[in-house]
Protein backbone atom coordinates (compact mmCIF):
# COMPACT_ATOMS: atom_id res chain seq x y z
CA MET A 1 -5.38 -19.98 -8.20
CA PRO A 2 -5.08 -22.75 -10.85
CA ALA A 3 -1.51 -24.05 -10.94
CA SER A 4 -1.96 -25.03 -14.58
CA LEU A 5 -1.89 -21.43 -15.82
CA ASP A 6 1.25 -20.58 -17.75
CA ARG A 7 3.14 -17.32 -17.41
CA SER A 8 1.57 -15.56 -20.39
CA SER A 9 -1.93 -16.46 -19.15
CA LEU A 10 -1.17 -15.11 -15.68
CA VAL A 11 0.14 -11.86 -17.16
CA PHE A 12 -2.96 -11.58 -19.36
CA LEU A 13 -5.23 -12.14 -16.35
CA ALA A 14 -3.30 -9.51 -14.40
CA GLN A 15 -3.92 -7.07 -17.25
CA LEU A 16 -7.63 -7.94 -17.22
CA ALA A 17 -7.79 -7.49 -13.46
CA GLU A 18 -6.13 -4.08 -13.81
CA GLN A 19 -8.73 -2.97 -16.35
CA ALA A 20 -11.48 -4.24 -14.04
CA GLU A 21 -9.79 -2.44 -11.10
CA ARG A 22 -9.62 -5.69 -9.13
CA TYR A 23 -6.16 -5.01 -7.74
CA ASP A 24 -6.04 -7.71 -5.06
CA GLU A 25 -6.54 -10.33 -7.78
CA MET A 26 -4.06 -8.54 -10.03
CA ALA A 27 -1.51 -8.78 -7.22
CA ASP A 28 -2.24 -12.49 -6.75
CA TYR A 29 -1.64 -13.19 -10.44
CA MET A 30 1.65 -11.28 -10.46
CA LYS A 31 2.80 -12.87 -7.22
CA THR A 32 2.30 -16.26 -8.88
CA VAL A 33 4.37 -15.09 -11.87
CA VAL A 34 7.20 -14.06 -9.53
CA THR A 35 7.18 -17.08 -7.22
CA SER A 36 6.50 -19.92 -9.68
CA ASP A 37 9.05 -19.07 -12.37
CA ALA A 38 12.72 -18.12 -11.89
CA THR A 39 12.77 -16.11 -15.12
CA PRO A 40 13.41 -12.41 -14.34
CA LEU A 41 10.47 -10.08 -14.95
CA ASP A 42 10.49 -8.08 -18.15
CA LEU A 43 9.59 -4.39 -18.09
CA GLU A 44 5.87 -4.96 -18.66
CA GLU A 45 5.68 -7.61 -15.93
CA ARG A 46 7.66 -5.44 -13.54
CA ASN A 47 5.26 -2.56 -14.07
CA LEU A 48 2.21 -4.81 -13.64
CA LEU A 49 3.57 -6.05 -10.31
CA ALA A 50 4.26 -2.50 -9.15
CA VAL A 51 0.83 -1.19 -10.18
CA ALA A 52 -0.98 -4.09 -8.52
CA TYR A 53 0.71 -3.75 -5.15
CA LYS A 54 0.70 0.05 -5.23
CA ASN A 55 -3.09 -0.03 -5.51
CA VAL A 56 -3.50 -2.79 -2.91
CA ILE A 57 -1.35 -0.92 -0.41
CA GLY A 58 -2.64 2.51 -1.45
CA SER A 59 -6.26 1.85 -0.58
CA ARG A 60 -5.27 0.51 2.83
CA ARG A 61 -2.90 3.40 3.56
CA ALA A 62 -5.73 5.80 2.74
CA ALA A 63 -8.09 3.90 5.05
CA TRP A 64 -5.50 3.93 7.83
CA ARG A 65 -5.06 7.71 7.53
CA VAL A 66 -8.82 8.25 7.81
CA LEU A 67 -9.06 6.08 10.92
CA GLN A 68 -5.98 7.69 12.45
CA ALA A 69 -7.53 11.13 11.98
CA ILE A 70 -10.85 10.02 13.49
CA GLU A 71 -9.06 8.44 16.45
CA THR A 72 -6.98 11.58 17.02
CA HIS A 73 -9.62 14.26 16.55
CA ARG A 74 -12.89 12.61 17.55
CA LYS A 75 -12.39 11.17 20.99
CA SER A 76 -15.62 9.47 21.96
CA GLU A 77 -17.05 6.58 23.90
CA ARG A 78 -16.62 4.45 20.76
CA VAL A 79 -12.90 5.08 20.39
CA GLU A 80 -12.16 1.41 21.12
CA HIS A 81 -14.06 0.47 17.94
CA VAL A 82 -11.96 2.90 15.91
CA GLN A 83 -8.77 1.49 17.42
CA LYS A 84 -9.81 -2.08 16.72
CA TYR A 85 -10.65 -1.23 13.11
CA ARG A 86 -7.34 0.62 12.70
CA LEU A 87 -5.46 -2.44 13.98
CA LYS A 88 -7.30 -4.59 11.42
CA ILE A 89 -6.11 -2.27 8.63
CA GLU A 90 -2.58 -2.31 10.06
CA ALA A 91 -2.58 -6.12 9.92
CA GLU A 92 -3.54 -5.94 6.23
CA LEU A 93 -0.82 -3.34 5.59
CA GLN A 94 1.72 -5.53 7.36
CA ALA A 95 0.72 -8.61 5.35
CA THR A 96 0.91 -6.77 2.02
CA CYS A 97 4.28 -5.21 2.81
CA ASP A 98 5.68 -8.53 4.05
CA GLU A 99 4.49 -10.21 0.84
CA MET A 100 6.21 -7.68 -1.41
CA LEU A 101 9.38 -7.55 0.69
CA GLU A 102 9.67 -11.35 0.63
CA MET A 103 9.44 -11.36 -3.18
CA LEU A 104 12.05 -8.61 -3.38
CA ASN A 105 14.46 -10.42 -1.09
CA LYS A 106 14.01 -13.94 -2.45
CA GLN A 107 13.30 -13.50 -6.16
CA LEU A 108 13.43 -9.97 -7.55
CA LEU A 109 16.66 -8.45 -6.21
CA PRO A 110 18.71 -11.64 -6.73
CA SER A 111 17.51 -11.76 -10.36
CA ALA A 112 18.20 -8.08 -11.14
CA SER A 113 20.39 -8.04 -14.25
CA SER A 114 20.86 -4.31 -14.89
CA PRO A 115 21.45 -1.13 -12.87
CA GLU A 116 17.89 -0.05 -13.71
CA ASP A 117 16.47 -3.32 -12.33
CA SER A 118 18.52 -2.95 -9.15
CA VAL A 119 17.44 0.66 -8.63
CA PHE A 120 13.79 -0.20 -9.28
CA TYR A 121 13.73 -3.08 -6.80
CA LEU A 122 15.77 -1.29 -4.11
CA LYS A 123 13.50 1.76 -4.45
CA THR A 124 10.47 -0.51 -4.12
CA GLN A 125 12.04 -2.14 -1.07
CA GLY A 126 12.56 1.31 0.45
CA ASP A 127 8.96 2.26 -0.34
CA TYR A 128 7.48 -0.79 1.41
CA TYR A 129 9.67 -0.33 4.48
CA ARG A 130 8.50 3.31 4.46
CA TYR A 131 4.87 2.16 4.44
CA LEU A 132 5.61 -0.03 7.47
CA ALA A 133 7.34 2.88 9.21
CA GLU A 134 4.17 4.95 8.85
CA PHE A 135 2.45 2.91 11.55
CA GLN A 136 5.10 0.79 13.28
CA SER A 137 7.11 1.89 16.30
CA LYS A 138 10.65 3.08 15.68
CA GLU A 139 12.00 0.05 17.55
CA GLN A 140 10.66 -2.28 14.86
CA GLY A 141 13.37 -1.07 12.50
CA ALA A 142 11.44 -0.33 9.29
CA CYS A 143 12.70 3.26 9.23
CA GLU A 144 16.37 2.23 9.27
CA LYS A 145 15.76 -0.43 6.61
CA ALA A 146 14.01 2.08 4.34
CA LEU A 147 16.91 4.51 4.75
CA ALA A 148 19.42 1.80 3.84
CA CYS A 149 17.46 0.68 0.75
CA TYR A 150 16.91 4.21 -0.54
CA GLY A 151 20.58 5.00 0.08
CA GLN A 152 21.78 1.93 -1.81
CA ALA A 153 19.41 2.67 -4.70
CA THR A 154 20.62 6.28 -4.82
CA ASP A 155 24.28 5.20 -4.98
CA ILE A 156 23.54 3.05 -8.04
CA ALA A 157 21.22 5.60 -9.67
CA THR A 158 23.63 8.52 -9.41
CA SER A 159 26.49 6.49 -10.87
CA LYS A 160 24.62 4.49 -13.54
CA LEU A 161 21.44 6.36 -14.57
CA HIS A 162 21.08 9.68 -16.36
CA SER A 163 19.97 12.63 -14.23
CA THR A 164 16.72 12.85 -16.25
CA ASN A 165 15.91 9.14 -15.98
CA PRO A 166 12.33 8.94 -14.63
CA LEU A 167 13.28 6.08 -12.30
CA ARG A 168 16.16 8.10 -10.81
CA LEU A 169 13.85 11.11 -10.40
CA GLY A 170 11.11 8.98 -8.85
CA LEU A 171 13.63 7.55 -6.41
CA ALA A 172 14.76 11.05 -5.41
CA LEU A 173 11.14 12.10 -4.92
CA ASN A 174 10.28 9.12 -2.70
CA PHE A 175 13.53 9.40 -0.72
CA ALA A 176 12.75 13.07 -0.08
CA VAL A 177 9.20 12.19 1.03
CA PHE A 178 10.73 9.65 3.41
CA TYR A 179 13.03 12.29 4.91
CA CYS A 180 10.16 14.74 5.34
CA GLU A 181 7.32 12.50 6.52
CA ILE A 182 9.09 9.67 8.34
CA MET A 183 12.39 11.15 9.51
CA LYS A 184 10.85 14.61 10.09
CA LEU A 185 13.83 16.26 8.37
CA PRO A 186 12.29 18.71 5.86
CA ASP A 187 15.61 20.50 5.32
CA ARG A 188 17.23 17.25 4.18
CA ALA A 189 14.19 16.45 2.03
CA CYS A 190 14.42 19.83 0.31
CA GLN A 191 18.16 19.48 -0.20
CA LEU A 192 17.80 16.06 -1.83
CA ALA A 193 14.84 17.07 -4.00
CA LYS A 194 16.47 20.33 -5.12
CA GLN A 195 19.68 18.54 -6.09
CA ALA A 196 17.75 16.04 -8.23
CA PHE A 197 15.68 18.84 -9.76
CA ASP A 198 18.68 21.03 -10.61
CA ASP A 199 20.71 18.13 -12.03
CA ALA A 200 17.84 17.09 -14.31
CA ILE A 201 16.96 20.61 -15.47
CA ALA A 202 20.56 21.11 -16.59
CA ASP A 203 20.28 18.08 -18.91
CA MET A 204 16.73 18.48 -20.26
CA ASP A 205 17.80 20.00 -23.60
CA SER A 206 19.31 16.70 -24.75
CA LEU A 207 16.08 14.70 -24.41
CA THR A 208 13.65 13.44 -27.02
CA GLU A 209 10.08 14.73 -26.78
CA GLU A 210 8.81 11.57 -25.07
CA SER A 211 11.67 11.45 -22.57
CA PHE A 212 11.24 15.16 -21.90
CA ARG A 213 7.55 14.63 -21.14
CA ASP A 214 8.26 11.71 -18.78
CA ALA A 215 10.92 13.62 -16.88
CA ALA A 216 8.91 16.85 -16.78
CA MET A 217 5.97 15.09 -15.12
CA ILE A 218 8.07 13.92 -12.16
CA LEU A 219 9.98 17.20 -11.99
CA GLN A 220 6.67 19.03 -11.57
CA ILE A 221 5.80 16.80 -8.59
CA ILE A 222 9.26 17.41 -7.10
CA ARG A 223 8.81 21.15 -7.57
CA ASP A 224 5.33 21.07 -5.96
CA ASN A 225 6.72 19.19 -2.96
CA LEU A 226 9.63 21.61 -2.66
CA THR A 227 7.16 24.51 -2.60
CA LEU A 228 5.05 22.77 0.05
CA TRP A 229 7.98 21.79 2.26
CA THR A 230 9.57 25.24 1.98
CA SER A 231 6.31 26.97 2.94
CA GLU A 232 5.89 24.62 5.91
CA GLU A 233 9.41 25.47 7.04
CA ASP A 234 8.61 29.18 6.75
CA ASP A 235 5.45 28.66 8.82
CA ASP A 236 7.48 26.88 11.49
CA HIS A 237 9.92 29.75 11.70
CA HIS A 238 7.24 32.47 11.72
CA PRO A 239 4.62 31.61 14.34
């Protein structure tokens, strides 16, 4: 990537790459913004970085799930090819997570200047450790690191952010998903999600129309997950 590009040009190119759905390039542009300039990211830049890496990691997580299902359910003489391909995807997942986690540790978290910044970056840190925990062995420690990051983010969010803040709600949602899918503790996931849901619902009347809409969107996802997790628990208890 040309070193001569200034920050505004890199951000513009990242926006272009997003519109063209070229997310790997979008991520490269935003990584250069983060690593070549000590200035903290503004809200737009922060969101561009998050969108870029979410798409880069998302496509690979989806590919990994497909290969995992094939490997599990379609045992065949070609299973070694499936395994080899899965390991290739895992290497890409590892590289992407390592890249984001290094930026968080070296640049983004040290530059966080508000509670919202800190919650956003700690939540993101928890998310990327969670993605590692999806395919790594427990001994590699990603699960414990995700738990610590989500916990630290939650401590700040509950003391500094309003119960209807979309970032606080998104954190609660992702933390609950972590408890259910990684820790295999659906009861704890439901407890956490229900607490966030109930706290926000109690404060919805005070919101502007736009804030209400933003909060309601995440609350609907939390409610859908609660319904799913509760029904799965019922199925487990009624064979």
